[in-house]
Amino acid sequence: MNPGLVRQWTLDHVHDLRVLRAGLRAEIEDTEIFERIAIVATELATNALRHGTPPAIVRLLTEPGRMTVDVSDQDLVGEPQFGLVRRPMGAGGLGLLLVSTFATASGWYLTADAKHTWASFQISE
């Protein structure tokens, strides 16, 4: 079964993250799942805005037993650095570590016109 789109946001600036968090709050009833997804979605969107090529497109997808956040930007060259645990103090990179901590699974892929980072979460039905 293909995941169904619950909602989509287009973010041009980090100031738009407030709108994203409010929108996620409106869509996700379970407080614990909301908090985990909001942290991860904010981190992925921030990375797309700061290190990618805006706008960042954030999609909330659902399928039985799972919700997925998919964030895209138009930078086809930069690679997200999942799995890097050791970095010099102040070098950044904690966002993807948070993603790995809170999400069930995460990763990235390229399409013809966008780079996507995603994170999925198990949910009870």
PDB file of N, CA and C in Angstrom:
ATOM      1  N   MET A   1       0.843  -1.189   0.000  1.00  0.00           N
ATOM      2  CA  MET A   1       0.000   0.000   0.000  1.00  0.00           C
ATOM      3  C   MET A   1       0.883   1.246   0.000  1.00  0.00           C
ATOM      4  N   ASN A   2       0.572   2.211  -0.835  1.00  0.00           N
ATOM      5  CA  ASN A   2       1.317   3.468  -0.884  1.00  0.00           C
ATOM      6  C   ASN A   2       0.867   4.385   0.246  1.00  0.00           C
ATOM      7  N   PRO A   3       1.819   5.080   0.839  1.00  0.00           N
ATOM      8  CA  PRO A   3       1.442   6.011   1.909  1.00  0.00           C
ATOM      9  C   PRO A   3       0.526   7.106   1.378  1.00  0.00           C
ATOM     10  N   GLY A   4      -0.411   7.517   2.219  1.00  0.00           N
ATOM     11  CA  GLY A   4      -1.315   8.597   1.849  1.00  0.00           C
ATOM     12  C   GLY A   4      -0.857   9.923   2.421  1.00  0.00           C
ATOM     13  N   LEU A   5      -0.993  10.954   1.631  1.00  0.00           N
ATOM     14  CA  LEU A   5      -0.614  12.294   2.072  1.00  0.00           C
ATOM     15  C   LEU A   5      -1.648  12.816   3.057  1.00  0.00           C
ATOM     16  N   VAL A   6      -1.186  13.176   4.248  1.00  0.00           N
ATOM     17  CA  VAL A   6      -2.048  13.788   5.262  1.00  0.00           C
ATOM     18  C   VAL A   6      -2.062  15.300   5.074  1.00  0.00           C
ATOM     19  N   ARG A   7      -0.855  15.868   4.929  1.00  0.00           N
ATOM     20  CA  ARG A   7      -0.733  17.320   4.781  1.00  0.00           C
ATOM     21  C   ARG A   7       0.652  17.660   4.263  1.00  0.00           C
ATOM     22  N   GLN A   8       0.758  18.827   3.637  1.00  0.00           N
ATOM     23  CA  GLN A   8       2.032  19.288   3.078  1.00  0.00           C
ATOM     24  C   GLN A   8       2.228  20.758   3.412  1.00  0.00           C
ATOM     25  N   TRP A   9       3.496  21.123   3.682  1.00  0.00           N
ATOM     26  CA  TRP A   9       3.867  22.505   3.982  1.00  0.00           C
ATOM     27  C   TRP A   9       5.024  22.907   3.079  1.00  0.00           C
ATOM     28  N   THR A  10       5.025  24.151   2.637  1.00  0.00           N
ATOM     29  CA  THR A  10       6.147  24.717   1.896  1.00  0.00           C
ATOM     30  C   THR A  10       6.780  25.778   2.778  1.00  0.00           C
ATOM     31  N   LEU A  11       8.061  25.593   3.091  1.00  0.00           N
ATOM     32  CA  LEU A  11       8.773  26.497   3.989  1.00  0.00           C
ATOM     33  C   LEU A  11       9.874  27.216   3.221  1.00  0.00           C
ATOM     34  N   ASP A  12       9.884  28.539   3.314  1.00  0.00           N
ATOM     35  CA  ASP A  12      10.905  29.342   2.660  1.00  0.00           C
ATOM     36  C   ASP A  12      11.979  29.842   3.626  1.00  0.00           C
ATOM     37  N   HIS A  13      11.623  29.954   4.909  1.00  0.00           N
ATOM     38  CA  HIS A  13      12.527  30.502   5.925  1.00  0.00           C
ATOM     39  C   HIS A  13      12.351  29.731   7.225  1.00  0.00           C
ATOM     40  N   VAL A  14      13.354  29.784   8.103  1.00  0.00           N
ATOM     41  CA  VAL A  14      13.241  29.102   9.395  1.00  0.00           C
ATOM     42  C   VAL A  14      12.075  29.655  10.222  1.00  0.00           C
ATOM     43  N   HIS A  15      11.650  30.888   9.942  1.00  0.00           N
ATOM     44  CA  HIS A  15      10.499  31.459  10.658  1.00  0.00           C
ATOM     45  C   HIS A  15       9.223  30.666  10.378  1.00  0.00           C
ATOM     46  N   ASP A  16       9.184  29.948   9.255  1.00  0.00           N
ATOM     47  CA  ASP A  16       8.011  29.156   8.885  1.00  0.00           C
ATOM     48  C   ASP A  16       7.889  27.877   9.709  1.00  0.00           C
ATOM     49  N   LEU A  17       8.890  27.553  10.501  1.00  0.00           N
ATOM     50  CA  LEU A  17       8.837  26.336  11.310  1.00  0.00           C
ATOM     51  C   LEU A  17       7.694  26.372  12.314  1.00  0.00           C
ATOM     52  N   ARG A  18       7.314  27.558  12.768  1.00  0.00           N
ATOM     53  CA  ARG A  18       6.167  27.686  13.684  1.00  0.00           C
ATOM     54  C   ARG A  18       4.899  27.156  13.035  1.00  0.00           C
ATOM     55  N   VAL A  19       4.723  27.495  11.766  1.00  0.00           N
ATOM     56  CA  VAL A  19       3.543  27.037  11.027  1.00  0.00           C
ATOM     57  C   VAL A  19       3.567  25.517  10.892  1.00  0.00           C
ATOM     58  N   LEU A  20       4.737  24.960  10.636  1.00  0.00           N
ATOM     59  CA  LEU A  20       4.881  23.511  10.532  1.00  0.00           C
ATOM     60  C   LEU A  20       4.490  22.836  11.845  1.00  0.00           C
ATOM     61  N   ARG A  21       5.043  23.294  12.956  1.00  0.00           N
ATOM     62  CA  ARG A  21       4.733  22.677  14.250  1.00  0.00           C
ATOM     63  C   ARG A  21       3.250  22.787  14.589  1.00  0.00           C
ATOM     64  N   ALA A  22       2.649  23.936  14.319  1.00  0.00           N
ATOM     65  CA  ALA A  22       1.213  24.099  14.579  1.00  0.00           C
ATOM     66  C   ALA A  22       0.395  23.163  13.692  1.00  0.00           C
ATOM     67  N   GLY A  23       0.802  23.019  12.456  1.00  0.00           N
ATOM     68  CA  GLY A  23       0.093  22.119  11.544  1.00  0.00           C
ATOM     69  C   GLY A  23       0.214  20.661  11.964  1.00  0.00           C
ATOM     70  N   LEU A  24       1.397  20.260  12.404  1.00  0.00           N
ATOM     71  CA  LEU A  24       1.571  18.892  12.902  1.00  0.00           C
ATOM     72  C   LEU A  24       0.702  18.658  14.130  1.00  0.00           C
ATOM     73  N   ARG A  25       0.657  19.643  15.026  1.00  0.00           N
ATOM     74  CA  ARG A  25      -0.168  19.534  16.233  1.00  0.00           C
ATOM     75  C   ARG A  25      -1.636  19.317  15.858  1.00  0.00           C
ATOM     76  N   ALA A  26      -2.094  19.988  14.810  1.00  0.00           N
ATOM     77  CA  ALA A  26      -3.486  19.858  14.370  1.00  0.00           C
ATOM     78  C   ALA A  26      -3.766  18.483  13.759  1.00  0.00           C
ATOM     79  N   GLU A  27      -2.758  17.837  13.217  1.00  0.00           N
ATOM     80  CA  GLU A  27      -2.946  16.559  12.523  1.00  0.00           C
ATOM     81  C   GLU A  27      -2.697  15.328  13.389  1.00  0.00           C
ATOM     82  N   ILE A  28      -1.895  15.462  14.445  1.00  0.00           N
ATOM     83  CA  ILE A  28      -1.476  14.303  15.234  1.00  0.00           C
ATOM     84  C   ILE A  28      -2.067  14.396  16.628  1.00  0.00           C
ATOM     85  N   GLU A  29      -2.944  13.471  16.958  1.00  0.00           N
ATOM     86  CA  GLU A  29      -3.644  13.512  18.233  1.00  0.00           C
ATOM     87  C   GLU A  29      -2.810  12.997  19.401  1.00  0.00           C
ATOM     88  N   ASP A  30      -2.044  11.943  19.185  1.00  0.00           N
ATOM     89  CA  ASP A  30      -1.248  11.334  20.237  1.00  0.00           C
ATOM     90  C   ASP A  30      -0.091  12.260  20.615  1.00  0.00           C
ATOM     91  N   THR A  31      -0.055  12.698  21.869  1.00  0.00           N
ATOM     92  CA  THR A  31       0.934  13.678  22.321  1.00  0.00           C
ATOM     93  C   THR A  31       2.363  13.165  22.189  1.00  0.00           C
ATOM     94  N   GLU A  32       2.617  11.918  22.578  1.00  0.00           N
ATOM     95  CA  GLU A  32       3.976  11.382  22.502  1.00  0.00           C
ATOM     96  C   GLU A  32       4.447  11.292  21.054  1.00  0.00           C
ATOM     97  N   ILE A  33       3.601  10.797  20.164  1.00  0.00           N
ATOM     98  CA  ILE A  33       3.960  10.708  18.740  1.00  0.00           C
ATOM     99  C   ILE A  33       4.149  12.110  18.166  1.00  0.00           C
ATOM    100  N   PHE A  34       3.249  13.038  18.513  1.00  0.00           N
ATOM    101  CA  PHE A  34       3.393  14.420  18.035  1.00  0.00           C
ATOM    102  C   PHE A  34       4.751  14.993  18.415  1.00  0.00           C
ATOM    103  N   GLU A  35       5.149  14.842  19.671  1.00  0.00           N
ATOM    104  CA  GLU A  35       6.408  15.424  20.128  1.00  0.00           C
ATOM    105  C   GLU A  35       7.593  14.843  19.367  1.00  0.00           C
ATOM    106  N   ARG A  36       7.613  13.537  19.177  1.00  0.00           N
ATOM    107  CA  ARG A  36       8.708  12.903  18.435  1.00  0.00           C
ATOM    108  C   ARG A  36       8.729  13.371  16.987  1.00  0.00           C
ATOM    109  N   ILE A  37       7.558  13.382  16.347  1.00  0.00           N
ATOM    110  CA  ILE A  37       7.495  13.792  14.943  1.00  0.00           C
ATOM    111  C   ILE A  37       7.824  15.274  14.802  1.00  0.00           C
ATOM    112  N   ALA A  38       7.356  16.110  15.714  1.00  0.00           N
ATOM    113  CA  ALA A  38       7.627  17.548  15.630  1.00  0.00           C
ATOM    114  C   ALA A  38       9.124  17.833  15.742  1.00  0.00           C
ATOM    115  N   ILE A  39       9.819  17.144  16.651  1.00  0.00           N
ATOM    116  CA  ILE A  39      11.266  17.336  16.785  1.00  0.00           C
ATOM    117  C   ILE A  39      11.966  16.943  15.495  1.00  0.00           C
ATOM    118  N   VAL A  40      11.630  15.784  14.973  1.00  0.00           N
ATOM    119  CA  VAL A  40      12.289  15.273  13.769  1.00  0.00           C
ATOM    120  C   VAL A  40      11.955  16.129  12.554  1.00  0.00           C
ATOM    121  N   ALA A  41      10.680  16.467  12.379  1.00  0.00           N
ATOM    122  CA  ALA A  41      10.285  17.286  11.224  1.00  0.00           C
ATOM    123  C   ALA A  41      10.977  18.642  11.266  1.00  0.00           C
ATOM    124  N   THR A  42      11.071  19.229  12.443  1.00  0.00           N
ATOM    125  CA  THR A  42      11.748  20.520  12.593  1.00  0.00           C
ATOM    126  C   THR A  42      13.224  20.402  12.245  1.00  0.00           C
ATOM    127  N   GLU A  43      13.876  19.348  12.709  1.00  0.00           N
ATOM    128  CA  GLU A  43      15.298  19.154  12.403  1.00  0.00           C
ATOM    129  C   GLU A  43      15.526  18.953  10.911  1.00  0.00           C
ATOM    130  N   LEU A  44      14.725  18.092  10.283  1.00  0.00           N
ATOM    131  CA  LEU A  44      14.894  17.843   8.852  1.00  0.00           C
ATOM    132  C   LEU A  44      14.602  19.098   8.030  1.00  0.00           C
ATOM    133  N   ALA A  45      13.569  19.834   8.406  1.00  0.00           N
ATOM    134  CA  ALA A  45      13.226  21.063   7.678  1.00  0.00           C
ATOM    135  C   ALA A  45      14.305  22.131   7.873  1.00  0.00           C
ATOM    136  N   THR A  46      14.821  22.253   9.082  1.00  0.00           N
ATOM    137  CA  THR A  46      15.890  23.216   9.345  1.00  0.00           C
ATOM    138  C   THR A  46      17.119  22.887   8.505  1.00  0.00           C
ATOM    139  N   ASN A  47      17.482  21.608   8.445  1.00  0.00           N
ATOM    140  CA  ASN A  47      18.617  21.202   7.614  1.00  0.00           C
ATOM    141  C   ASN A  47      18.381  21.540   6.147  1.00  0.00           C
ATOM    142  N   ALA A  48      17.178  21.284   5.655  1.00  0.00           N
ATOM    143  CA  ALA A  48      16.866  21.583   4.256  1.00  0.00           C
ATOM    144  C   ALA A  48      16.966  23.082   3.977  1.00  0.00           C
ATOM    145  N   LEU A  49      16.529  23.898   4.927  1.00  0.00           N
ATOM    146  CA  LEU A  49      16.573  25.349   4.737  1.00  0.00           C
ATOM    147  C   LEU A  49      17.991  25.902   4.873  1.00  0.00           C
ATOM    148  N   ARG A  50      18.764  25.372   5.798  1.00  0.00           N
ATOM    149  CA  ARG A  50      20.101  25.917   6.050  1.00  0.00           C
ATOM    150  C   ARG A  50      21.185  25.332   5.158  1.00  0.00           C
ATOM    151  N   HIS A  51      21.074  24.052   4.846  1.00  0.00           N
ATOM    152  CA  HIS A  51      22.138  23.375   4.102  1.00  0.00           C
ATOM    153  C   HIS A  51      21.736  22.984   2.693  1.00  0.00           C
ATOM    154  N   GLY A  52      20.452  23.079   2.393  1.00  0.00           N
ATOM    155  CA  GLY A  52      19.965  22.718   1.070  1.00  0.00           C
ATOM    156  C   GLY A  52      19.613  23.961   0.272  1.00  0.00           C
ATOM    157  N   THR A  53      18.725  23.781  -0.687  1.00  0.00           N
ATOM    158  CA  THR A  53      18.257  24.883  -1.515  1.00  0.00           C
ATOM    159  C   THR A  53      16.751  25.022  -1.322  1.00  0.00           C
ATOM    160  N   PRO A  54      16.318  26.060  -0.580  1.00  0.00           N
ATOM    161  CA  PRO A  54      14.880  26.247  -0.341  1.00  0.00           C
ATOM    162  C   PRO A  54      14.109  26.457  -1.647  1.00  0.00           C
ATOM    163  N   PRO A  55      12.808  26.235  -1.597  1.00  0.00           N
ATOM    164  CA  PRO A  55      12.019  25.961  -0.402  1.00  0.00           C
ATOM    165  C   PRO A  55      12.154  24.513   0.048  1.00  0.00           C
ATOM    166  N   ALA A  56      11.824  24.280   1.312  1.00  0.00           N
ATOM    167  CA  ALA A  56      11.720  22.927   1.841  1.00  0.00           C
ATOM    168  C   ALA A  56      10.250  22.534   1.765  1.00  0.00           C
ATOM    169  N   ILE A  57      10.004  21.369   1.222  1.00  0.00           N
ATOM    170  CA  ILE A  57       8.640  20.836   1.157  1.00  0.00           C
ATOM    171  C   ILE A  57       8.557  19.723   2.191  1.00  0.00           C
ATOM    172  N   VAL A  58       7.663  19.873   3.146  1.00  0.00           N
ATOM    173  CA  VAL A  58       7.491  18.879   4.207  1.00  0.00           C
ATOM    174  C   VAL A  58       6.159  18.184   3.985  1.00  0.00           C
ATOM    175  N   ARG A  59       6.213  16.858   3.898  1.00  0.00           N
ATOM    176  CA  ARG A  59       4.987  16.079   3.728  1.00  0.00           C
ATOM    177  C   ARG A  59       4.834  15.127   4.903  1.00  0.00           C
ATOM    178  N   LEU A  60       3.628  15.065   5.441  1.00  0.00           N
ATOM    179  CA  LEU A  60       3.273  14.093   6.464  1.00  0.00           C
ATOM    180  C   LEU A  60       2.459  13.013   5.769  1.00  0.00           C
ATOM    181  N   LEU A  61       2.953  11.781   5.828  1.00  0.00           N
ATOM    182  CA  LEU A  61       2.331  10.652   5.145  1.00  0.00           C
ATOM    183  C   LEU A  61       1.902   9.609   6.168  1.00  0.00           C
ATOM    184  N   THR A  62       0.880   8.840   5.833  1.00  0.00           N
ATOM    185  CA  THR A  62       0.440   7.786   6.737  1.00  0.00           C
ATOM    186  C   THR A  62       0.107   6.522   5.964  1.00  0.00           C
ATOM    187  N   GLU A  63       0.314   5.426   6.621  1.00  0.00           N
ATOM    188  CA  GLU A  63      -0.101   4.112   6.147  1.00  0.00           C
ATOM    189  C   GLU A  63      -0.364   3.290   7.400  1.00  0.00           C
ATOM    190  N   PRO A  64      -0.986   2.149   7.291  1.00  0.00           N
ATOM    191  CA  PRO A  64      -1.315   1.382   8.500  1.00  0.00           C
ATOM    192  C   PRO A  64      -0.100   1.145   9.402  1.00  0.00           C
ATOM    193  N   GLY A  65      -0.209   1.618  10.643  1.00  0.00           N
ATOM    194  CA  GLY A  65       0.831   1.404  11.631  1.00  0.00           C
ATOM    195  C   GLY A  65       2.040   2.307  11.534  1.00  0.00           C
ATOM    196  N   ARG A  66       2.015   3.281  10.631  1.00  0.00           N
ATOM    197  CA  ARG A  66       3.207   4.103  10.417  1.00  0.00           C
ATOM    198  C   ARG A  66       2.841   5.511   9.940  1.00  0.00           C
ATOM    199  N   MET A  67       3.597   6.494  10.434  1.00  0.00           N
ATOM    200  CA  MET A  67       3.573   7.855   9.895  1.00  0.00           C
ATOM    201  C   MET A  67       4.986   8.160   9.423  1.00  0.00           C
ATOM    202  N   THR A  68       5.081   8.911   8.324  1.00  0.00           N
ATOM    203  CA  THR A  68       6.374   9.271   7.765  1.00  0.00           C
ATOM    204  C   THR A  68       6.413  10.762   7.486  1.00  0.00           C
ATOM    205  N   VAL A  69       7.531  11.379   7.822  1.00  0.00           N
ATOM    206  CA  VAL A  69       7.805  12.767   7.461  1.00  0.00           C
ATOM    207  C   VAL A  69       8.825  12.716   6.328  1.00  0.00           C
ATOM    208  N   ASP A  70       8.514  13.368   5.219  1.00  0.00           N
ATOM    209  CA  ASP A  70       9.410  13.437   4.066  1.00  0.00           C
ATOM    210  C   ASP A  70       9.676  14.914   3.786  1.00  0.00           C
ATOM    211  N   VAL A  71      10.946  15.317   3.821  1.00  0.00           N
ATOM    212  CA  VAL A  71      11.329  16.712   3.616  1.00  0.00           C
ATOM    213  C   VAL A  71      12.224  16.783   2.386  1.00  0.00           C
ATOM    214  N   SER A  72      11.863  17.653   1.449  1.00  0.00           N
ATOM    215  CA  SER A  72      12.674  17.787   0.239  1.00  0.00           C
ATOM    216  C   SER A  72      13.149  19.219   0.054  1.00  0.00           C
ATOM    217  N   ASP A  73      14.282  19.332  -0.646  1.00  0.00           N
ATOM    218  CA  ASP A  73      14.789  20.624  -1.097  1.00  0.00           C
ATOM    219  C   ASP A  73      15.418  20.386  -2.465  1.00  0.00           C
ATOM    220  N   GLN A  74      15.833  21.435  -3.125  1.00  0.00           N
ATOM    221  CA  GLN A  74      16.292  21.329  -4.509  1.00  0.00           C
ATOM    222  C   GLN A  74      17.808  21.197  -4.663  1.00  0.00           C
ATOM    223  N   ASP A  75      18.528  20.917  -3.579  1.00  0.00           N
ATOM    224  CA  ASP A  75      19.971  20.701  -3.645  1.00  0.00           C
ATOM    225  C   ASP A  75      20.224  19.239  -3.994  1.00  0.00           C
ATOM    226  N   LEU A  76      20.672  18.991  -5.214  1.00  0.00           N
ATOM    227  CA  LEU A  76      20.901  17.615  -5.663  1.00  0.00           C
ATOM    228  C   LEU A  76      22.328  17.142  -5.411  1.00  0.00           C
ATOM    229  N   VAL A  77      23.167  17.987  -4.795  1.00  0.00           N
ATOM    230  CA  VAL A  77      24.570  17.647  -4.597  1.00  0.00           C
ATOM    231  C   VAL A  77      24.857  17.249  -3.148  1.00  0.00           C
ATOM    232  N   GLY A  78      24.386  18.041  -2.197  1.00  0.00           N
ATOM    233  CA  GLY A  78      24.681  17.775  -0.789  1.00  0.00           C
ATOM    234  C   GLY A  78      24.067  16.476  -0.308  1.00  0.00           C
ATOM    235  N   GLU A  79      24.823  15.742   0.504  1.00  0.00           N
ATOM    236  CA  GLU A  79      24.349  14.482   1.063  1.00  0.00           C
ATOM    237  C   GLU A  79      24.139  14.613   2.562  1.00  0.00           C
ATOM    238  N   PRO A  80      22.960  14.218   3.055  1.00  0.00           N
ATOM    239  CA  PRO A  80      22.766  14.189   4.511  1.00  0.00           C
ATOM    240  C   PRO A  80      23.730  13.190   5.135  1.00  0.00           C
ATOM    241  N   GLN A  81      24.288  13.518   6.269  1.00  0.00           N
ATOM    242  CA  GLN A  81      25.283  12.679   6.916  1.00  0.00           C
ATOM    243  C   GLN A  81      24.665  11.903   8.079  1.00  0.00           C
ATOM    244  N   PHE A  82      23.796  10.947   7.753  1.00  0.00           N
ATOM    245  CA  PHE A  82      23.228  10.079   8.780  1.00  0.00           C
ATOM    246  C   PHE A  82      24.328   9.194   9.342  1.00  0.00           C
ATOM    247  N   GLY A  83      24.217   8.874  10.623  1.00  0.00           N
ATOM    248  CA  GLY A  83      25.126   7.905  11.218  1.00  0.00           C
ATOM    249  C   GLY A  83      26.421   8.468  11.766  1.00  0.00           C
ATOM    250  N   LEU A  84      26.659   9.766  11.610  1.00  0.00           N
ATOM    251  CA  LEU A  84      27.879  10.339  12.185  1.00  0.00           C
ATOM    252  C   LEU A  84      27.630  10.641  13.654  1.00  0.00           C
ATOM    253  N   VAL A  85      28.328   9.955  14.511  1.00  0.00           N
ATOM    254  CA  VAL A  85      28.118  10.121  15.944  1.00  0.00           C
ATOM    255  C   VAL A  85      29.149  11.060  16.543  1.00  0.00           C
ATOM    256  N   ARG A  86      30.386  10.971  16.117  1.00  0.00           N
ATOM    257  CA  ARG A  86      31.458  11.780  16.696  1.00  0.00           C
ATOM    258  C   ARG A  86      31.742  12.975  15.798  1.00  0.00           C
ATOM    259  N   ARG A  87      31.619  14.151  16.367  1.00  0.00           N
ATOM    260  CA  ARG A  87      31.950  15.387  15.670  1.00  0.00           C
ATOM    261  C   ARG A  87      32.641  16.301  16.663  1.00  0.00           C
ATOM    262  N   PRO A  88      33.481  17.192  16.166  1.00  0.00           N
ATOM    263  CA  PRO A  88      34.086  18.173  17.077  1.00  0.00           C
ATOM    264  C   PRO A  88      33.000  19.049  17.706  1.00  0.00           C
ATOM    265  N   MET A  89      33.234  19.465  18.936  1.00  0.00           N
ATOM    266  CA  MET A  89      32.295  20.342  19.634  1.00  0.00           C
ATOM    267  C   MET A  89      32.021  21.578  18.784  1.00  0.00           C
ATOM    268  N   GLY A  90      30.752  21.903  18.602  1.00  0.00           N
ATOM    269  CA  GLY A  90      30.367  23.079  17.844  1.00  0.00           C
ATOM    270  C   GLY A  90      30.303  22.865  16.342  1.00  0.00           C
ATOM    271  N   ALA A  91      30.546  21.639  15.882  1.00  0.00           N
ATOM    272  CA  ALA A  91      30.547  21.373  14.437  1.00  0.00           C
ATOM    273  C   ALA A  91      29.154  21.084  13.904  1.00  0.00           C
ATOM    274  N   GLY A  92      28.160  21.040  14.782  1.00  0.00           N
ATOM    275  CA  GLY A  92      26.805  20.762  14.323  1.00  0.00           C
ATOM    276  C   GLY A  92      26.616  19.277  14.089  1.00  0.00           C
ATOM    277  N   GLY A  93      25.553  18.952  13.390  1.00  0.00           N
ATOM    278  CA  GLY A  93      25.293  17.563  13.053  1.00  0.00           C
ATOM    279  C   GLY A  93      24.452  16.811  14.062  1.00  0.00           C
ATOM    280  N   LEU A  94      23.990  17.473  15.108  1.00  0.00           N
ATOM    281  CA  LEU A  94      23.180  16.777  16.104  1.00  0.00           C
ATOM    282  C   LEU A  94      21.762  16.524  15.627  1.00  0.00           C
ATOM    283  N   GLY A  95      21.298  17.277  14.638  1.00  0.00           N
ATOM    284  CA  GLY A  95      19.936  17.114  14.141  1.00  0.00           C
ATOM    285  C   GLY A  95      19.670  15.720  13.616  1.00  0.00           C
ATOM    286  N   LEU A  96      20.579  15.186  12.805  1.00  0.00           N
ATOM    287  CA  LEU A  96      20.371  13.848  12.261  1.00  0.00           C
ATOM    288  C   LEU A  96      20.539  12.774  13.327  1.00  0.00           C
ATOM    289  N   LEU A  97      21.314  13.062  14.366  1.00  0.00           N
ATOM    290  CA  LEU A  97      21.402  12.144  15.499  1.00  0.00           C
ATOM    291  C   LEU A  97      20.056  12.106  16.234  1.00  0.00           C
ATOM    292  N   LEU A  98      19.417  13.262  16.402  1.00  0.00           N
ATOM    293  CA  LEU A  98      18.079  13.299  16.997  1.00  0.00           C
ATOM    294  C   LEU A  98      17.083  12.516  16.138  1.00  0.00           C
ATOM    295  N   VAL A  99      17.189  12.664  14.833  1.00  0.00           N
ATOM    296  CA  VAL A  99      16.299  11.925  13.931  1.00  0.00           C
ATOM    297  C   VAL A  99      16.465  10.432  14.183  1.00  0.00           C
ATOM    298  N   SER A 100      17.685   9.960  14.239  1.00  0.00           N
ATOM    299  CA  SER A 100      17.942   8.534  14.469  1.00  0.00           C
ATOM    300  C   SER A 100      17.448   8.076  15.838  1.00  0.00           C
ATOM    301  N   THR A 101      17.471   8.970  16.810  1.00  0.00           N
ATOM    302  CA  THR A 101      17.024   8.637  18.159  1.00  0.00           C
ATOM    303  C   THR A 101      15.510   8.506  18.245  1.00  0.00           C
ATOM    304  N   PHE A 102      14.773   9.415  17.624  1.00  0.00           N
ATOM    305  CA  PHE A 102      13.322   9.472  17.792  1.00  0.00           C
ATOM    306  C   PHE A 102      12.526   8.699  16.743  1.00  0.00           C
ATOM    307  N   ALA A 103      13.093   8.465  15.576  1.00  0.00           N
ATOM    308  CA  ALA A 103      12.366   7.796  14.497  1.00  0.00           C
ATOM    309  C   ALA A 103      12.629   6.295  14.520  1.00  0.00           C
ATOM    310  N   THR A 104      11.700   5.540  13.983  1.00  0.00           N
ATOM    311  CA  THR A 104      11.863   4.095  13.843  1.00  0.00           C
ATOM    312  C   THR A 104      12.871   3.787  12.748  1.00  0.00           C
ATOM    313  N   ALA A 105      12.821   4.554  11.667  1.00  0.00           N
ATOM    314  CA  ALA A 105      13.737   4.396  10.537  1.00  0.00           C
ATOM    315  C   ALA A 105      13.901   5.757   9.879  1.00  0.00           C
ATOM    316  N   SER A 106      15.031   5.941   9.189  1.00  0.00           N
ATOM    317  CA  SER A 106      15.264   7.210   8.495  1.00  0.00           C
ATOM    318  C   SER A 106      16.233   6.990   7.352  1.00  0.00           C
ATOM    319  N   GLY A 107      16.260   7.955   6.437  1.00  0.00           N
ATOM    320  CA  GLY A 107      17.176   7.855   5.320  1.00  0.00           C
ATOM    321  C   GLY A 107      16.979   9.013   4.361  1.00  0.00           C
ATOM    322  N   TRP A 108      17.508   8.849   3.152  1.00  0.00           N
ATOM    323  CA  TRP A 108      17.371   9.900   2.149  1.00  0.00           C
ATOM    324  C   TRP A 108      17.424   9.276   0.772  1.00  0.00           C
ATOM    325  N   TYR A 109      16.928  10.025  -0.218  1.00  0.00           N
ATOM    326  CA  TYR A 109      16.956   9.591  -1.611  1.00  0.00           C
ATOM    327  C   TYR A 109      16.869  10.810  -2.516  1.00  0.00           C
ATOM    328  N   LEU A 110      17.239  10.628  -3.768  1.00  0.00           N
ATOM    329  CA  LEU A 110      17.162  11.689  -4.773  1.00  0.00           C
ATOM    330  C   LEU A 110      16.085  11.363  -5.792  1.00  0.00           C
ATOM    331  N   THR A 111      15.405  12.402  -6.265  1.00  0.00           N
ATOM    332  CA  THR A 111      14.554  12.301  -7.438  1.00  0.00           C
ATOM    333  C   THR A 111      15.199  13.192  -8.502  1.00  0.00           C
ATOM    334  N   ALA A 112      14.559  13.322  -9.637  1.00  0.00           N
ATOM    335  CA  ALA A 112      15.132  14.136 -10.719  1.00  0.00           C
ATOM    336  C   ALA A 112      15.310  15.593 -10.322  1.00  0.00           C
ATOM    337  N   ASP A 113      14.472  16.090  -9.419  1.00  0.00           N
ATOM    338  CA  ASP A 113      14.518  17.519  -9.104  1.00  0.00           C
ATOM    339  C   ASP A 113      14.626  17.850  -7.615  1.00  0.00           C
ATOM    340  N   ALA A 114      14.824  16.845  -6.754  1.00  0.00           N
ATOM    341  CA  ALA A 114      14.871  17.147  -5.317  1.00  0.00           C
ATOM    342  C   ALA A 114      15.637  16.073  -4.554  1.00  0.00           C
ATOM    343  N   LYS A 115      16.183  16.505  -3.407  1.00  0.00           N
ATOM    344  CA  LYS A 115      16.769  15.600  -2.422  1.00  0.00           C
ATOM    345  C   LYS A 115      15.735  15.459  -1.308  1.00  0.00           C
ATOM    346  N   HIS A 116      15.468  14.243  -0.892  1.00  0.00           N
ATOM    347  CA  HIS A 116      14.485  13.970   0.162  1.00  0.00           C
ATOM    348  C   HIS A 116      15.174  13.317   1.350  1.00  0.00           C
ATOM    349  N   THR A 117      14.862  13.801   2.540  1.00  0.00           N
ATOM    350  CA  THR A 117      15.211  13.099   3.765  1.00  0.00           C
ATOM    351  C   THR A 117      13.896  12.679   4.393  1.00  0.00           C
ATOM    352  N   TRP A 118      13.880  11.521   5.014  1.00  0.00           N
ATOM    353  CA  TRP A 118      12.634  11.013   5.583  1.00  0.00           C
ATOM    354  C   TRP A 118      12.889  10.323   6.904  1.00  0.00           C
ATOM    355  N   ALA A 119      11.831  10.249   7.678  1.00  0.00           N
ATOM    356  CA  ALA A 119      11.855   9.526   8.944  1.00  0.00           C
ATOM    357  C   ALA A 119      10.470   8.929   9.161  1.00  0.00           C
ATOM    358  N   SER A 120      10.432   7.681   9.602  1.00  0.00           N
ATOM    359  CA  SER A 120       9.142   7.039   9.852  1.00  0.00           C
ATOM    360  C   SER A 120       9.008   6.669  11.320  1.00  0.00           C
ATOM    361  N   PHE A 121       7.769   6.561  11.745  1.00  0.00           N
ATOM    362  CA  PHE A 121       7.422   6.325  13.145  1.00  0.00           C
ATOM    363  C   PHE A 121       6.329   5.275  13.214  1.00  0.00           C
ATOM    364  N   GLN A 122       6.498   4.298  14.097  1.00  0.00           N
ATOM    365  CA  GLN A 122       5.431   3.333  14.322  1.00  0.00           C
ATOM    366  C   GLN A 122       4.357   4.019  15.137  1.00  0.00           C
ATOM    367  N   ILE A 123       3.119   3.758  14.761  1.00  0.00           N
ATOM    368  CA  ILE A 123       1.986   4.307  15.502  1.00  0.00           C
ATOM    369  C   ILE A 123       1.004   3.183  15.777  1.00  0.00           C
ATOM    370  N   SER A 124       0.219   3.325  16.822  1.00  0.00           N
ATOM    371  CA  SER A 124      -0.815   2.338  17.094  1.00  0.00           C
ATOM    372  C   SER A 124      -2.079   2.780  16.362  1.00  0.00           C
ATOM    373  N   GLU A 125      -2.805   1.798  15.931  1.00  0.00           N
ATOM    374  CA  GLU A 125      -4.012   2.132  15.152  1.00  0.00           C
ATOM    375  C   GLU A 125      -5.231   2.087  16.018  1.00  0.00           C
TER     376      GLU A 125
END
